[in-house]
Amino acid sequence: MNVSTRKPPPARRKGERRSENPFRKASGKTISSIKTTSHVLASDKAAALALTPVSRETEARLDRYVGLLLEWQAKTNLVAPSTLPNLWTRHISDSLQLMALAPSARNWADLGSGGGFPGVVLACALADISATMVHLVERNAKKAAFLREALRVTGSRGNVHLADIGESVDRIVGSVDCVTARAVAPLHQLIGFVEPLVKLGAKALLLKGQDVEDELTEATKYWNITPHLHPSRTGGQGWIVELDRIERRNQSATADGTRA
């Protein structure tokens, strides 16, 4: 008969409470939470890819990107936590829809990339097409580091510029077919940021929310524009503002759309 040599635990003193294993207590909840999150994300992913279908290869790259984003989200706020259950429809599909509005664009510039929407998503979608490049402009060093890692993990072509948006034009080498921005600044300021690239021949695709009409009204105080509005495929009263021509209404206006 084998006799255990392990010492018994010390006797508890009178009145002393039994210590609990917090990991054991929390592990069940954690596992349940992970399963629930995975199920919700899988359902949201199916809905997103129905809206904006992609190839198997692109889907695999996006899966790696989502995995990395969820890992980094715990230490760096890349997206609003409340949007995580709808990550695929709210962010990825919202980004992918731009491809249909500029199908021939090969070189993109994403101003204020943040967590990679739409820049990294576009890079994943363009990875199988030769001679493509996505420039990602981000002023936050931690987010810029994430963007570089996302490009590496997904095997997508892109160039991360750690800079303020106003400095982006001087840092981008080569022509740009399309410039985009999402949740960065009011429209009249965004137009000032994209104006130099649009003057060089780029198309601007700016993702805006339900207040787009008010923002356009304000923007026309500073800019002569002929915007084309596209309703977002993902709903939520989102809009995409397409601009092919931008002229300053007041020559004293500064680059961010305000008067000097």
C-alpha atoms as a PDB file:
ATOM      1  CA  MET A   1       0.000   0.000   0.000  1.00  0.00           C
ATOM      2  CA  ASN A   2       1.376   3.381  -0.990  1.00  0.00           C
ATOM      3  CA  VAL A   3       1.471   5.902   1.767  1.00  0.00           C
ATOM      4  CA  SER A   4       1.437   9.595   0.864  1.00  0.00           C
ATOM      5  CA  THR A   5       4.241  11.640   2.375  1.00  0.00           C
ATOM      6  CA  ARG A   6       2.511  14.962   1.681  1.00  0.00           C
ATOM      7  CA  LYS A   7       1.995  16.951   4.846  1.00  0.00           C
ATOM      8  CA  PRO A   8      -1.588  17.751   5.806  1.00  0.00           C
ATOM      9  CA  PRO A   9      -2.603  21.427   5.617  1.00  0.00           C
ATOM     10  CA  PRO A  10      -2.176  23.334   8.869  1.00  0.00           C
ATOM     11  CA  ALA A  11      -5.237  23.450  11.088  1.00  0.00           C
ATOM     12  CA  ARG A  12      -7.229  26.663  10.911  1.00  0.00           C
ATOM     13  CA  ARG A  13      -7.362  28.773  13.998  1.00  0.00           C
ATOM     14  CA  LYS A  14     -10.679  29.290  15.680  1.00  0.00           C
ATOM     15  CA  GLY A  15     -12.692  31.962  13.839  1.00  0.00           C
ATOM     16  CA  GLU A  16     -10.356  31.903  10.803  1.00  0.00           C
ATOM     17  CA  ARG A  17     -12.213  31.721   7.484  1.00  0.00           C
ATOM     18  CA  ARG A  18     -11.334  29.150   4.871  1.00  0.00           C
ATOM     19  CA  SER A  19      -9.265  30.753   2.111  1.00  0.00           C
ATOM     20  CA  GLU A  20     -10.837  30.472  -1.308  1.00  0.00           C
ATOM     21  CA  ASN A  21      -9.063  29.876  -4.580  1.00  0.00           C
ATOM     22  CA  PRO A  22     -10.034  32.947  -6.617  1.00  0.00           C
ATOM     23  CA  PHE A  23      -8.871  31.372  -9.870  1.00  0.00           C
ATOM     24  CA  ARG A  24     -11.011  28.288  -9.292  1.00  0.00           C
ATOM     25  CA  LYS A  25     -13.975  30.448  -8.411  1.00  0.00           C
ATOM     26  CA  ALA A  26     -13.551  32.718 -11.418  1.00  0.00           C
ATOM     27  CA  SER A  27     -12.464  30.121 -13.940  1.00  0.00           C
ATOM     28  CA  GLY A  28     -15.976  28.837 -14.535  1.00  0.00           C
ATOM     29  CA  LYS A  29     -17.220  32.342 -15.244  1.00  0.00           C
ATOM     30  CA  THR A  30     -14.204  33.063 -17.430  1.00  0.00           C
ATOM     31  CA  ILE A  31     -14.681  29.934 -19.515  1.00  0.00           C
ATOM     32  CA  SER A  32     -18.399  30.647 -19.841  1.00  0.00           C
ATOM     33  CA  SER A  33     -17.640  34.236 -20.858  1.00  0.00           C
ATOM     34  CA  ILE A  34     -15.130  33.078 -23.482  1.00  0.00           C
ATOM     35  CA  LYS A  35     -17.628  30.605 -24.924  1.00  0.00           C
ATOM     36  CA  THR A  36     -20.353  33.243 -25.020  1.00  0.00           C
ATOM     37  CA  THR A  37     -18.041  35.801 -26.639  1.00  0.00           C
ATOM     38  CA  SER A  38     -16.867  33.281 -29.241  1.00  0.00           C
ATOM     39  CA  HIS A  39     -20.453  32.371 -30.115  1.00  0.00           C
ATOM     40  CA  VAL A  40     -21.490  36.017 -30.424  1.00  0.00           C
ATOM     41  CA  LEU A  41     -18.446  36.866 -32.566  1.00  0.00           C
ATOM     42  CA  ALA A  42     -19.057  33.851 -34.826  1.00  0.00           C
ATOM     43  CA  SER A  43     -22.642  34.944 -35.391  1.00  0.00           C
ATOM     44  CA  ASP A  44     -21.590  38.547 -36.007  1.00  0.00           C
ATOM     45  CA  LYS A  45     -18.852  37.405 -38.381  1.00  0.00           C
ATOM     46  CA  ALA A  46     -21.358  35.440 -40.465  1.00  0.00           C
ATOM     47  CA  ALA A  47     -23.599  38.507 -40.711  1.00  0.00           C
ATOM     48  CA  ALA A  48     -20.663  40.738 -41.664  1.00  0.00           C
ATOM     49  CA  LEU A  49     -19.360  38.455 -44.416  1.00  0.00           C
ATOM     50  CA  ALA A  50     -22.862  38.183 -45.826  1.00  0.00           C
ATOM     51  CA  LEU A  51     -22.843  41.965 -46.186  1.00  0.00           C
ATOM     52  CA  THR A  52     -19.286  42.209 -47.514  1.00  0.00           C
ATOM     53  CA  PRO A  53     -18.074  38.832 -48.863  1.00  0.00           C
ATOM     54  CA  VAL A  54     -14.323  38.165 -49.074  1.00  0.00           C
ATOM     55  CA  SER A  55     -12.085  35.344 -50.264  1.00  0.00           C
ATOM     56  CA  ARG A  56     -11.017  32.493 -47.983  1.00  0.00           C
ATOM     57  CA  GLU A  57      -7.527  33.941 -47.863  1.00  0.00           C
ATOM     58  CA  THR A  58      -8.777  37.361 -46.820  1.00  0.00           C
ATOM     59  CA  GLU A  59     -11.084  35.799 -44.234  1.00  0.00           C
ATOM     60  CA  ALA A  60      -8.114  33.952 -42.719  1.00  0.00           C
ATOM     61  CA  ARG A  61      -6.127  37.183 -42.521  1.00  0.00           C
ATOM     62  CA  LEU A  62      -9.054  38.967 -40.883  1.00  0.00           C
ATOM     63  CA  ASP A  63      -9.381  36.130 -38.357  1.00  0.00           C
ATOM     64  CA  ARG A  64      -5.738  36.613 -37.355  1.00  0.00           C
ATOM     65  CA  TYR A  65      -6.274  40.362 -37.132  1.00  0.00           C
ATOM     66  CA  VAL A  66      -9.331  39.976 -34.892  1.00  0.00           C
ATOM     67  CA  GLY A  67      -7.459  37.566 -32.637  1.00  0.00           C
ATOM     68  CA  LEU A  68      -4.596  40.018 -32.260  1.00  0.00           C
ATOM     69  CA  LEU A  69      -6.946  42.936 -31.632  1.00  0.00           C
ATOM     70  CA  LEU A  70      -8.766  41.078 -28.860  1.00  0.00           C
ATOM     71  CA  GLU A  71      -5.414  40.215 -27.279  1.00  0.00           C
ATOM     72  CA  TRP A  72      -4.168  43.820 -27.356  1.00  0.00           C
ATOM     73  CA  GLN A  73      -7.529  45.279 -26.350  1.00  0.00           C
ATOM     74  CA  ALA A  74      -6.922  44.053 -22.792  1.00  0.00           C
ATOM     75  CA  LYS A  75      -4.001  46.480 -22.404  1.00  0.00           C
ATOM     76  CA  THR A  76      -4.592  49.126 -25.080  1.00  0.00           C
ATOM     77  CA  ASN A  77      -7.990  50.651 -25.815  1.00  0.00           C
ATOM     78  CA  LEU A  78      -8.195  50.082 -29.564  1.00  0.00           C
ATOM     79  CA  VAL A  79     -11.995  50.127 -29.935  1.00  0.00           C
ATOM     80  CA  ALA A  80     -14.879  51.002 -27.640  1.00  0.00           C
ATOM     81  CA  PRO A  81     -15.457  47.939 -25.421  1.00  0.00           C
ATOM     82  CA  SER A  82     -19.200  48.164 -26.006  1.00  0.00           C
ATOM     83  CA  THR A  83     -18.645  47.435 -29.723  1.00  0.00           C
ATOM     84  CA  LEU A  84     -16.671  44.196 -29.241  1.00  0.00           C
ATOM     85  CA  PRO A  85     -19.689  41.857 -29.575  1.00  0.00           C
ATOM     86  CA  ASN A  86     -20.335  43.438 -32.993  1.00  0.00           C
ATOM     87  CA  LEU A  87     -16.696  43.761 -33.992  1.00  0.00           C
ATOM     88  CA  TRP A  88     -17.197  42.183 -37.415  1.00  0.00           C
ATOM     89  CA  THR A  89     -20.248  44.170 -38.506  1.00  0.00           C
ATOM     90  CA  ARG A  90     -19.498  47.402 -36.652  1.00  0.00           C
ATOM     91  CA  HIS A  91     -15.857  47.684 -37.682  1.00  0.00           C
ATOM     92  CA  ILE A  92     -14.682  45.117 -40.228  1.00  0.00           C
ATOM     93  CA  SER A  93     -17.655  45.086 -42.602  1.00  0.00           C
ATOM     94  CA  ASP A  94     -17.930  48.850 -42.189  1.00  0.00           C
ATOM     95  CA  SER A  95     -14.352  49.081 -43.477  1.00  0.00           C
ATOM     96  CA  LEU A  96     -14.658  46.473 -46.246  1.00  0.00           C
ATOM     97  CA  GLN A  97     -17.554  48.307 -47.903  1.00  0.00           C
ATOM     98  CA  LEU A  98     -15.127  51.001 -49.082  1.00  0.00           C
ATOM     99  CA  MET A  99     -13.639  48.557 -51.583  1.00  0.00           C
ATOM    100  CA  ALA A 100     -16.806  48.633 -53.680  1.00  0.00           C
ATOM    101  CA  LEU A 101     -16.640  52.438 -53.923  1.00  0.00           C
ATOM    102  CA  ALA A 102     -13.061  52.421 -55.213  1.00  0.00           C
ATOM    103  CA  PRO A 103     -12.571  49.014 -56.870  1.00  0.00           C
ATOM    104  CA  SER A 104      -9.560  50.065 -58.926  1.00  0.00           C
ATOM    105  CA  ALA A 105      -7.714  51.802 -56.082  1.00  0.00           C
ATOM    106  CA  ARG A 106      -4.394  50.130 -55.287  1.00  0.00           C
ATOM    107  CA  ASN A 107      -2.735  52.693 -53.023  1.00  0.00           C
ATOM    108  CA  TRP A 108      -4.679  53.904 -49.990  1.00  0.00           C
ATOM    109  CA  ALA A 109      -4.009  56.346 -47.162  1.00  0.00           C
ATOM    110  CA  ASP A 110      -5.885  55.950 -43.876  1.00  0.00           C
ATOM    111  CA  LEU A 111      -5.665  59.021 -41.645  1.00  0.00           C
ATOM    112  CA  GLY A 112      -5.934  58.380 -37.913  1.00  0.00           C
ATOM    113  CA  SER A 113      -5.913  54.588 -38.224  1.00  0.00           C
ATOM    114  CA  GLY A 114      -6.327  53.888 -34.493  1.00  0.00           C
ATOM    115  CA  GLY A 115      -7.125  50.192 -34.134  1.00  0.00           C
ATOM    116  CA  GLY A 116      -6.811  49.629 -37.881  1.00  0.00           C
ATOM    117  CA  PHE A 117     -10.237  50.582 -39.223  1.00  0.00           C
ATOM    118  CA  PRO A 118     -10.389  50.833 -42.094  1.00  0.00           C
ATOM    119  CA  GLY A 119      -6.652  50.706 -42.886  1.00  0.00           C
ATOM    120  CA  VAL A 120      -5.637  47.219 -41.718  1.00  0.00           C
ATOM    121  CA  VAL A 121      -8.886  45.710 -43.001  1.00  0.00           C
ATOM    122  CA  LEU A 122      -8.211  47.209 -46.437  1.00  0.00           C
ATOM    123  CA  ALA A 123      -4.637  45.904 -46.341  1.00  0.00           C
ATOM    124  CA  CYS A 124      -5.951  42.397 -45.591  1.00  0.00           C
ATOM    125  CA  ALA A 125      -8.372  42.617 -48.514  1.00  0.00           C
ATOM    126  CA  LEU A 126      -5.685  43.883 -50.919  1.00  0.00           C
ATOM    127  CA  ALA A 127      -2.930  41.481 -49.867  1.00  0.00           C
ATOM    128  CA  ASP A 128      -3.451  39.107 -52.820  1.00  0.00           C
ATOM    129  CA  ILE A 129      -3.300  41.918 -55.367  1.00  0.00           C
ATOM    130  CA  SER A 130       0.147  42.919 -56.577  1.00  0.00           C
ATOM    131  CA  ALA A 131       1.502  46.458 -56.354  1.00  0.00           C
ATOM    132  CA  THR A 132      -0.797  47.593 -53.551  1.00  0.00           C
ATOM    133  CA  MET A 133       0.020  49.667 -50.477  1.00  0.00           C
ATOM    134  CA  VAL A 134      -1.927  51.047 -47.530  1.00  0.00           C
ATOM    135  CA  HIS A 135      -0.448  53.978 -45.607  1.00  0.00           C
ATOM    136  CA  LEU A 136      -1.587  54.041 -41.980  1.00  0.00           C
ATOM    137  CA  VAL A 137      -1.185  57.386 -40.213  1.00  0.00           C
ATOM    138  CA  GLU A 138      -1.419  57.267 -36.415  1.00  0.00           C
ATOM    139  CA  ARG A 139      -0.014  59.644 -33.808  1.00  0.00           C
ATOM    140  CA  ASN A 140      -0.362  57.320 -30.789  1.00  0.00           C
ATOM    141  CA  ALA A 141       2.812  55.246 -30.379  1.00  0.00           C
ATOM    142  CA  LYS A 142       1.071  52.235 -28.780  1.00  0.00           C
ATOM    143  CA  LYS A 143      -1.548  52.089 -31.495  1.00  0.00           C
ATOM    144  CA  ALA A 144       1.113  52.507 -34.176  1.00  0.00           C
ATOM    145  CA  ALA A 145       2.966  49.527 -32.670  1.00  0.00           C
ATOM    146  CA  PHE A 146      -0.248  47.506 -32.829  1.00  0.00           C
ATOM    147  CA  LEU A 147      -0.759  48.461 -36.470  1.00  0.00           C
ATOM    148  CA  ARG A 148       2.738  47.266 -37.373  1.00  0.00           C
ATOM    149  CA  GLU A 149       2.139  43.974 -35.585  1.00  0.00           C
ATOM    150  CA  ALA A 150      -1.233  43.560 -37.298  1.00  0.00           C
ATOM    151  CA  LEU A 151       0.378  43.985 -40.714  1.00  0.00           C
ATOM    152  CA  ARG A 152       3.062  41.459 -39.788  1.00  0.00           C
ATOM    153  CA  VAL A 153       0.664  38.857 -38.392  1.00  0.00           C
ATOM    154  CA  THR A 154      -1.697  39.096 -41.347  1.00  0.00           C
ATOM    155  CA  GLY A 155       1.046  39.266 -43.977  1.00  0.00           C
ATOM    156  CA  SER A 156      -0.501  42.402 -45.465  1.00  0.00           C
ATOM    157  CA  ARG A 157       1.316  45.232 -47.200  1.00  0.00           C
ATOM    158  CA  GLY A 158       1.257  48.563 -45.425  1.00  0.00           C
ATOM    159  CA  ASN A 159       3.386  51.368 -44.070  1.00  0.00           C
ATOM    160  CA  VAL A 160       2.730  52.810 -40.613  1.00  0.00           C
ATOM    161  CA  HIS A 161       3.519  56.496 -40.166  1.00  0.00           C
ATOM    162  CA  LEU A 162       3.823  57.639 -36.549  1.00  0.00           C
ATOM    163  CA  ALA A 163       2.715  61.227 -37.092  1.00  0.00           C
ATOM    164  CA  ASP A 164      -0.065  63.748 -36.676  1.00  0.00           C
ATOM    165  CA  ILE A 165      -2.579  63.735 -39.501  1.00  0.00           C
ATOM    166  CA  GLY A 166      -1.529  67.208 -40.568  1.00  0.00           C
ATOM    167  CA  GLU A 167       2.001  65.921 -41.243  1.00  0.00           C
ATOM    168  CA  SER A 168       0.908  62.848 -43.187  1.00  0.00           C
ATOM    169  CA  VAL A 169       1.149  64.173 -46.745  1.00  0.00           C
ATOM    170  CA  ASP A 170       4.864  64.882 -46.477  1.00  0.00           C
ATOM    171  CA  ARG A 171       5.514  61.358 -45.164  1.00  0.00           C
ATOM    172  CA  ILE A 172       3.628  59.419 -47.831  1.00  0.00           C
ATOM    173  CA  VAL A 173       5.843  58.474 -50.758  1.00  0.00           C
ATOM    174  CA  GLY A 174       4.211  57.718 -54.095  1.00  0.00           C
ATOM    175  CA  SER A 175       0.747  58.336 -55.477  1.00  0.00           C
ATOM    176  CA  VAL A 176      -2.439  57.720 -53.494  1.00  0.00           C
ATOM    177  CA  ASP A 177      -5.598  56.562 -55.241  1.00  0.00           C
ATOM    178  CA  CYS A 178      -7.911  56.847 -52.271  1.00  0.00           C
ATOM    179  CA  VAL A 179      -7.708  58.543 -48.866  1.00  0.00           C
ATOM    180  CA  THR A 180     -10.010  57.635 -46.014  1.00  0.00           C
ATOM    181  CA  ALA A 181     -10.676  58.455 -42.378  1.00  0.00           C
ATOM    182  CA  ARG A 182     -13.081  57.121 -39.766  1.00  0.00           C
ATOM    183  CA  ALA A 183     -14.106  58.617 -36.427  1.00  0.00           C
ATOM    184  CA  VAL A 184     -11.215  61.088 -36.444  1.00  0.00           C
ATOM    185  CA  ALA A 185     -12.525  64.664 -36.594  1.00  0.00           C
ATOM    186  CA  PRO A 186     -15.475  66.808 -37.717  1.00  0.00           C
ATOM    187  CA  LEU A 187     -15.974  66.810 -41.474  1.00  0.00           C
ATOM    188  CA  HIS A 188     -14.828  70.391 -42.067  1.00  0.00           C
ATOM    189  CA  GLN A 189     -11.500  69.519 -40.436  1.00  0.00           C
ATOM    190  CA  LEU A 190     -11.171  66.190 -42.233  1.00  0.00           C
ATOM    191  CA  ILE A 191     -11.602  67.912 -45.577  1.00  0.00           C
ATOM    192  CA  GLY A 192      -8.656  70.136 -44.713  1.00  0.00           C
ATOM    193  CA  PHE A 193      -6.537  67.075 -43.940  1.00  0.00           C
ATOM    194  CA  VAL A 194      -7.395  65.201 -47.150  1.00  0.00           C
ATOM    195  CA  GLU A 195      -7.350  68.247 -49.458  1.00  0.00           C
ATOM    196  CA  PRO A 196      -3.648  67.944 -50.435  1.00  0.00           C
ATOM    197  CA  LEU A 197      -4.075  64.303 -51.495  1.00  0.00           C
ATOM    198  CA  VAL A 198      -7.334  64.995 -53.353  1.00  0.00           C
ATOM    199  CA  LYS A 199      -5.602  67.802 -55.252  1.00  0.00           C
ATOM    200  CA  LEU A 200      -3.020  65.237 -56.346  1.00  0.00           C
ATOM    201  CA  GLY A 201      -5.742  63.001 -57.772  1.00  0.00           C
ATOM    202  CA  ALA A 202      -6.945  60.893 -54.847  1.00  0.00           C
ATOM    203  CA  LYS A 203     -10.568  60.159 -54.071  1.00  0.00           C
ATOM    204  CA  ALA A 204     -11.689  60.783 -50.479  1.00  0.00           C
ATOM    205  CA  LEU A 205     -14.009  58.321 -48.725  1.00  0.00           C
ATOM    206  CA  LEU A 206     -14.897  59.598 -45.265  1.00  0.00           C
ATOM    207  CA  LEU A 207     -17.022  57.504 -42.908  1.00  0.00           C
ATOM    208  CA  LYS A 208     -19.440  59.601 -40.887  1.00  0.00           C
ATOM    209  CA  GLY A 209     -22.440  59.110 -38.604  1.00  0.00           C
ATOM    210  CA  GLN A 210     -26.042  60.201 -38.511  1.00  0.00           C
ATOM    211  CA  ASP A 211     -25.172  63.915 -38.217  1.00  0.00           C
ATOM    212  CA  VAL A 212     -23.580  63.996 -41.659  1.00  0.00           C
ATOM    213  CA  GLU A 213     -26.008  66.642 -43.001  1.00  0.00           C
ATOM    214  CA  ASP A 214     -25.145  69.039 -40.187  1.00  0.00           C
ATOM    215  CA  GLU A 215     -21.441  68.383 -40.732  1.00  0.00           C
ATOM    216  CA  LEU A 216     -21.793  69.050 -44.456  1.00  0.00           C
ATOM    217  CA  THR A 217     -23.561  72.326 -43.739  1.00  0.00           C
ATOM    218  CA  GLU A 218     -20.673  73.413 -41.531  1.00  0.00           C
ATOM    219  CA  ALA A 219     -18.076  72.195 -44.044  1.00  0.00           C
ATOM    220  CA  THR A 220     -19.519  74.259 -46.895  1.00  0.00           C
ATOM    221  CA  LYS A 221     -18.725  77.416 -44.932  1.00  0.00           C
ATOM    222  CA  TYR A 222     -15.071  76.731 -45.671  1.00  0.00           C
ATOM    223  CA  TRP A 223     -14.982  74.467 -48.735  1.00  0.00           C
ATOM    224  CA  ASN A 224     -16.445  74.244 -52.219  1.00  0.00           C
ATOM    225  CA  ILE A 225     -17.340  70.567 -52.512  1.00  0.00           C
ATOM    226  CA  THR A 226     -19.760  68.335 -54.412  1.00  0.00           C
ATOM    227  CA  PRO A 227     -20.222  65.409 -52.042  1.00  0.00           C
ATOM    228  CA  HIS A 228     -21.713  62.059 -52.990  1.00  0.00           C
ATOM    229  CA  LEU A 229     -23.376  60.355 -50.035  1.00  0.00           C
ATOM    230  CA  HIS A 230     -23.522  56.571 -49.752  1.00  0.00           C
ATOM    231  CA  PRO A 231     -25.559  54.916 -46.987  1.00  0.00           C
ATOM    232  CA  SER A 232     -23.554  52.441 -44.953  1.00  0.00           C
ATOM    233  CA  ARG A 233     -24.253  48.786 -45.692  1.00  0.00           C
ATOM    234  CA  THR A 234     -23.962  48.034 -42.006  1.00  0.00           C
ATOM    235  CA  GLY A 235     -26.858  50.312 -41.063  1.00  0.00           C
ATOM    236  CA  GLY A 236     -26.756  52.338 -37.888  1.00  0.00           C
ATOM    237  CA  GLN A 237     -27.477  55.550 -39.814  1.00  0.00           C
ATOM    238  CA  GLY A 238     -23.878  55.678 -41.004  1.00  0.00           C
ATOM    239  CA  TRP A 239     -22.815  57.402 -44.209  1.00  0.00           C
ATOM    240  CA  ILE A 240     -19.799  57.532 -46.502  1.00  0.00           C
ATOM    241  CA  VAL A 241     -18.935  60.943 -47.926  1.00  0.00           C
ATOM    242  CA  GLU A 242     -17.219  60.679 -51.313  1.00  0.00           C
ATOM    243  CA  LEU A 243     -15.235  63.681 -52.547  1.00  0.00           C
ATOM    244  CA  ASP A 244     -13.370  64.006 -55.847  1.00  0.00           C
ATOM    245  CA  ARG A 245     -12.813  67.762 -55.785  1.00  0.00           C
ATOM    246  CA  ILE A 246     -12.059  70.186 -52.956  1.00  0.00           C
ATOM    247  CA  GLU A 247     -11.516  73.917 -53.193  1.00  0.00           C
ATOM    248  CA  ARG A 248     -11.100  76.432 -50.414  1.00  0.00           C
ATOM    249  CA  ARG A 249     -14.025  78.822 -50.224  1.00  0.00           C
ATOM    250  CA  ASN A 250     -11.983  81.291 -48.191  1.00  0.00           C
ATOM    251  CA  GLN A 251      -8.291  81.484 -48.953  1.00  0.00           C
ATOM    252  CA  SER A 252      -7.638  82.462 -45.345  1.00  0.00           C
ATOM    253  CA  ALA A 253      -8.916  79.063 -44.196  1.00  0.00           C
ATOM    254  CA  THR A 254      -6.253  76.910 -42.567  1.00  0.00           C
ATOM    255  CA  ALA A 255      -5.560  73.266 -43.329  1.00  0.00           C
ATOM    256  CA  ASP A 256      -7.979  72.076 -40.643  1.00  0.00           C
ATOM    257  CA  GLY A 257     -10.883  73.991 -42.098  1.00  0.00           C
ATOM    258  CA  THR A 258     -10.892  77.000 -39.798  1.00  0.00           C
ATOM    259  CA  ARG A 259     -10.162  80.623 -40.557  1.00  0.00           C
ATOM    260  CA  ALA A 260      -6.656  81.829 -39.834  1.00  0.00           C
END
